[in-house]
């Protein structure tokens, strides 16, 4: 897994855009008390469920790989 140049900023963007995506779909309401890790996991699973992104193989799923996958997704958004 090659780290992206501005991965931290892309993860932040992915969380913001993923929260908007989930709330607009009406499937989730994020609370201010939700941790970033909880948001990342929920957004990742929602995008995989909706077939927006390819799933990570089950034996390779970790917080780090989910962040990386969301950063790649965010880099492709307008």
N, C-alpha and C. Protein backbone atom coordinates (compact mmCIF):
# COMPACT_ATOMS: atom_id res chain seq x y z
N UNK A 1 0.86 -1.18 0.00
CA UNK A 1 0.00 0.00 0.00
C UNK A 1 0.90 1.23 0.00
N UNK A 2 0.81 1.99 -1.06
CA UNK A 2 1.62 3.19 -1.20
C UNK A 2 0.88 4.38 -0.60
N UNK A 3 1.52 5.08 0.30
CA UNK A 3 0.89 6.23 0.96
C UNK A 3 0.73 7.38 -0.04
N UNK A 4 -0.42 8.01 0.00
CA UNK A 4 -0.68 9.15 -0.87
C UNK A 4 0.03 10.38 -0.33
N UNK A 5 0.30 11.32 -1.22
CA UNK A 5 1.06 12.51 -0.84
C UNK A 5 0.37 13.32 0.25
N UNK A 6 -0.90 13.55 0.13
CA UNK A 6 -1.64 14.37 1.11
C UNK A 6 -2.76 13.53 1.73
N UNK A 7 -2.41 12.34 2.21
CA UNK A 7 -3.42 11.38 2.68
C UNK A 7 -4.23 11.90 3.87
N UNK A 8 -3.59 12.61 4.81
CA UNK A 8 -4.34 13.12 5.98
C UNK A 8 -5.47 14.05 5.56
N UNK A 9 -5.17 14.97 4.64
CA UNK A 9 -6.19 15.90 4.18
C UNK A 9 -7.29 15.16 3.42
N UNK A 10 -6.89 14.16 2.65
CA UNK A 10 -7.88 13.39 1.88
C UNK A 10 -8.79 12.57 2.81
N UNK A 11 -8.24 12.06 3.91
CA UNK A 11 -9.07 11.33 4.87
C UNK A 11 -10.09 12.27 5.50
N UNK A 12 -9.66 13.49 5.84
CA UNK A 12 -10.59 14.47 6.40
C UNK A 12 -11.70 14.79 5.41
N UNK A 13 -11.31 14.97 4.14
CA UNK A 13 -12.29 15.25 3.09
C UNK A 13 -13.24 14.05 2.93
N UNK A 14 -12.71 12.84 2.99
CA UNK A 14 -13.52 11.64 2.84
C UNK A 14 -14.55 11.52 3.97
N UNK A 15 -14.14 11.88 5.19
CA UNK A 15 -15.07 11.83 6.32
C UNK A 15 -16.21 12.83 6.10
N UNK A 16 -15.87 14.04 5.71
CA UNK A 16 -16.89 15.08 5.48
C UNK A 16 -17.84 14.66 4.35
N UNK A 17 -17.27 14.24 3.22
CA UNK A 17 -18.10 13.84 2.08
C UNK A 17 -18.89 12.57 2.37
N UNK A 18 -18.28 11.64 3.09
CA UNK A 18 -18.97 10.40 3.44
C UNK A 18 -20.13 10.64 4.38
N UNK A 19 -19.94 11.57 5.34
CA UNK A 19 -21.03 11.92 6.25
C UNK A 19 -22.19 12.53 5.46
N UNK A 20 -21.88 13.42 4.53
CA UNK A 20 -22.92 14.03 3.70
C UNK A 20 -23.65 12.96 2.90
N UNK A 21 -22.87 12.04 2.31
CA UNK A 21 -23.43 10.97 1.49
C UNK A 21 -24.41 10.12 2.31
N UNK A 22 -23.99 9.69 3.49
CA UNK A 22 -24.83 8.85 4.34
C UNK A 22 -26.07 9.56 4.83
N UNK A 23 -25.92 10.83 5.21
CA UNK A 23 -27.08 11.58 5.72
C UNK A 23 -28.05 11.92 4.60
N UNK A 24 -27.54 12.23 3.40
CA UNK A 24 -28.44 12.52 2.27
C UNK A 24 -29.21 11.26 1.86
N UNK A 25 -28.58 10.11 1.99
CA UNK A 25 -29.25 8.86 1.69
C UNK A 25 -30.26 8.50 2.76
N UNK A 26 -30.15 9.11 3.91
CA UNK A 26 -31.09 8.88 4.98
C UNK A 26 -30.82 7.60 5.77
N UNK A 27 -29.61 7.08 5.70
CA UNK A 27 -29.30 5.83 6.40
C UNK A 27 -28.57 6.04 7.72
N UNK A 28 -28.12 7.25 7.98
CA UNK A 28 -27.33 7.48 9.20
C UNK A 28 -27.47 8.93 9.64
N UNK A 29 -27.34 9.13 10.93
CA UNK A 29 -27.25 10.47 11.52
C UNK A 29 -26.05 10.44 12.43
N UNK A 30 -24.98 11.11 12.03
CA UNK A 30 -23.77 11.12 12.83
C UNK A 30 -23.93 12.07 14.01
N UNK A 31 -23.41 11.66 15.14
CA UNK A 31 -23.44 12.46 16.36
C UNK A 31 -22.07 13.10 16.57
N UNK A 32 -22.03 14.27 17.22
CA UNK A 32 -20.73 14.90 17.51
C UNK A 32 -19.83 14.02 18.38
N UNK A 33 -20.42 13.13 19.14
CA UNK A 33 -19.62 12.27 20.01
C UNK A 33 -19.02 11.06 19.29
N UNK A 34 -19.40 10.84 18.02
CA UNK A 34 -18.84 9.72 17.25
C UNK A 34 -17.36 9.97 16.99
N UNK A 35 -16.54 8.95 17.22
CA UNK A 35 -15.10 9.11 16.97
C UNK A 35 -14.82 9.04 15.47
N UNK A 36 -13.66 9.55 15.09
CA UNK A 36 -13.26 9.51 13.67
C UNK A 36 -13.16 8.06 13.20
N UNK A 37 -12.67 7.17 14.05
CA UNK A 37 -12.55 5.77 13.66
C UNK A 37 -13.91 5.14 13.39
N UNK A 38 -14.91 5.48 14.20
CA UNK A 38 -16.26 4.96 13.98
C UNK A 38 -16.83 5.49 12.66
N UNK A 39 -16.60 6.77 12.40
CA UNK A 39 -17.09 7.37 11.15
C UNK A 39 -16.42 6.71 9.95
N UNK A 40 -15.11 6.52 10.04
CA UNK A 40 -14.36 5.91 8.93
C UNK A 40 -14.89 4.52 8.63
N UNK A 41 -15.08 3.72 9.68
CA UNK A 41 -15.56 2.35 9.47
C UNK A 41 -16.97 2.35 8.88
N UNK A 42 -17.86 3.20 9.39
CA UNK A 42 -19.23 3.23 8.88
C UNK A 42 -19.26 3.70 7.42
N UNK A 43 -18.51 4.76 7.12
CA UNK A 43 -18.49 5.29 5.76
C UNK A 43 -17.92 4.24 4.80
N UNK A 44 -16.83 3.59 5.21
CA UNK A 44 -16.24 2.55 4.37
C UNK A 44 -17.26 1.46 4.08
N UNK A 45 -17.92 0.95 5.12
CA UNK A 45 -18.88 -0.14 4.94
C UNK A 45 -20.09 0.30 4.10
N UNK A 46 -20.53 1.54 4.26
CA UNK A 46 -21.64 2.05 3.45
C UNK A 46 -21.25 2.15 1.98
N UNK A 47 -20.06 2.67 1.70
CA UNK A 47 -19.62 2.80 0.30
C UNK A 47 -19.41 1.44 -0.35
N UNK A 48 -18.92 0.47 0.40
CA UNK A 48 -18.77 -0.89 -0.13
C UNK A 48 -20.16 -1.49 -0.39
N UNK A 49 -21.08 -1.31 0.56
CA UNK A 49 -22.44 -1.84 0.40
C UNK A 49 -23.11 -1.26 -0.83
N UNK A 50 -22.91 0.03 -1.08
CA UNK A 50 -23.52 0.70 -2.24
C UNK A 50 -22.72 0.49 -3.52
N UNK A 51 -21.64 -0.29 -3.43
CA UNK A 51 -20.77 -0.59 -4.57
C UNK A 51 -20.13 0.66 -5.18
N UNK A 52 -19.84 1.64 -4.32
CA UNK A 52 -19.15 2.85 -4.75
C UNK A 52 -17.64 2.60 -4.80
N UNK A 53 -17.16 1.79 -3.85
CA UNK A 53 -15.74 1.42 -3.83
C UNK A 53 -15.62 -0.10 -3.73
N UNK A 54 -14.46 -0.62 -4.16
CA UNK A 54 -14.19 -2.06 -4.07
C UNK A 54 -13.86 -2.41 -2.62
N UNK A 55 -14.34 -3.54 -2.13
CA UNK A 55 -14.01 -3.94 -0.76
C UNK A 55 -12.56 -4.39 -0.63
N UNK A 56 -12.02 -4.20 0.55
CA UNK A 56 -10.69 -4.70 0.89
C UNK A 56 -10.87 -6.17 1.26
N UNK A 57 -9.93 -7.06 0.88
CA UNK A 57 -10.06 -8.46 1.30
C UNK A 57 -10.21 -8.56 2.83
N UNK A 58 -11.08 -9.47 3.27
CA UNK A 58 -11.46 -9.57 4.68
C UNK A 58 -10.26 -9.69 5.61
N UNK A 59 -9.24 -10.41 5.21
CA UNK A 59 -8.08 -10.61 6.08
C UNK A 59 -7.15 -9.40 6.13
N UNK A 60 -7.42 -8.38 5.31
CA UNK A 60 -6.57 -7.20 5.28
C UNK A 60 -7.25 -5.95 5.83
N UNK A 61 -8.49 -6.08 6.29
CA UNK A 61 -9.22 -4.91 6.79
C UNK A 61 -8.62 -4.45 8.11
N UNK A 62 -8.27 -3.17 8.15
CA UNK A 62 -7.81 -2.52 9.38
C UNK A 62 -8.18 -1.05 9.27
N UNK A 63 -8.01 -0.34 10.35
CA UNK A 63 -8.32 1.10 10.33
C UNK A 63 -7.45 1.80 9.29
N UNK A 64 -6.19 1.40 9.20
CA UNK A 64 -5.25 2.01 8.27
C UNK A 64 -5.66 1.78 6.81
N UNK A 65 -6.06 0.54 6.48
CA UNK A 65 -6.44 0.25 5.10
C UNK A 65 -7.76 0.93 4.74
N UNK A 66 -8.68 1.02 5.71
CA UNK A 66 -9.94 1.72 5.43
C UNK A 66 -9.68 3.21 5.18
N UNK A 67 -8.80 3.81 5.99
CA UNK A 67 -8.44 5.22 5.78
C UNK A 67 -7.85 5.42 4.40
N UNK A 68 -6.95 4.52 4.02
CA UNK A 68 -6.29 4.62 2.71
C UNK A 68 -7.32 4.51 1.58
N UNK A 69 -8.22 3.56 1.70
CA UNK A 69 -9.24 3.36 0.67
C UNK A 69 -10.15 4.60 0.55
N UNK A 70 -10.53 5.18 1.69
CA UNK A 70 -11.35 6.38 1.68
C UNK A 70 -10.58 7.57 1.12
N UNK A 71 -9.28 7.66 1.40
CA UNK A 71 -8.47 8.74 0.85
C UNK A 71 -8.42 8.65 -0.67
N UNK A 72 -8.29 7.45 -1.19
CA UNK A 72 -8.30 7.27 -2.65
C UNK A 72 -9.65 7.70 -3.23
N UNK A 73 -10.73 7.30 -2.55
CA UNK A 73 -12.08 7.70 -3.00
C UNK A 73 -12.21 9.22 -2.99
N UNK A 74 -11.74 9.86 -1.93
CA UNK A 74 -11.85 11.32 -1.82
C UNK A 74 -11.02 12.02 -2.88
N UNK A 75 -9.90 11.44 -3.25
CA UNK A 75 -9.04 12.06 -4.27
C UNK A 75 -9.72 12.09 -5.64
N UNK A 76 -10.70 11.22 -5.83
CA UNK A 76 -11.40 11.15 -7.12
C UNK A 76 -12.66 12.00 -7.16
N UNK A 77 -13.04 12.57 -6.00
CA UNK A 77 -14.22 13.43 -5.97
C UNK A 77 -13.89 14.80 -6.54
N UNK A 78 -14.92 15.48 -7.03
CA UNK A 78 -14.71 16.81 -7.60
C UNK A 78 -14.60 17.84 -6.52
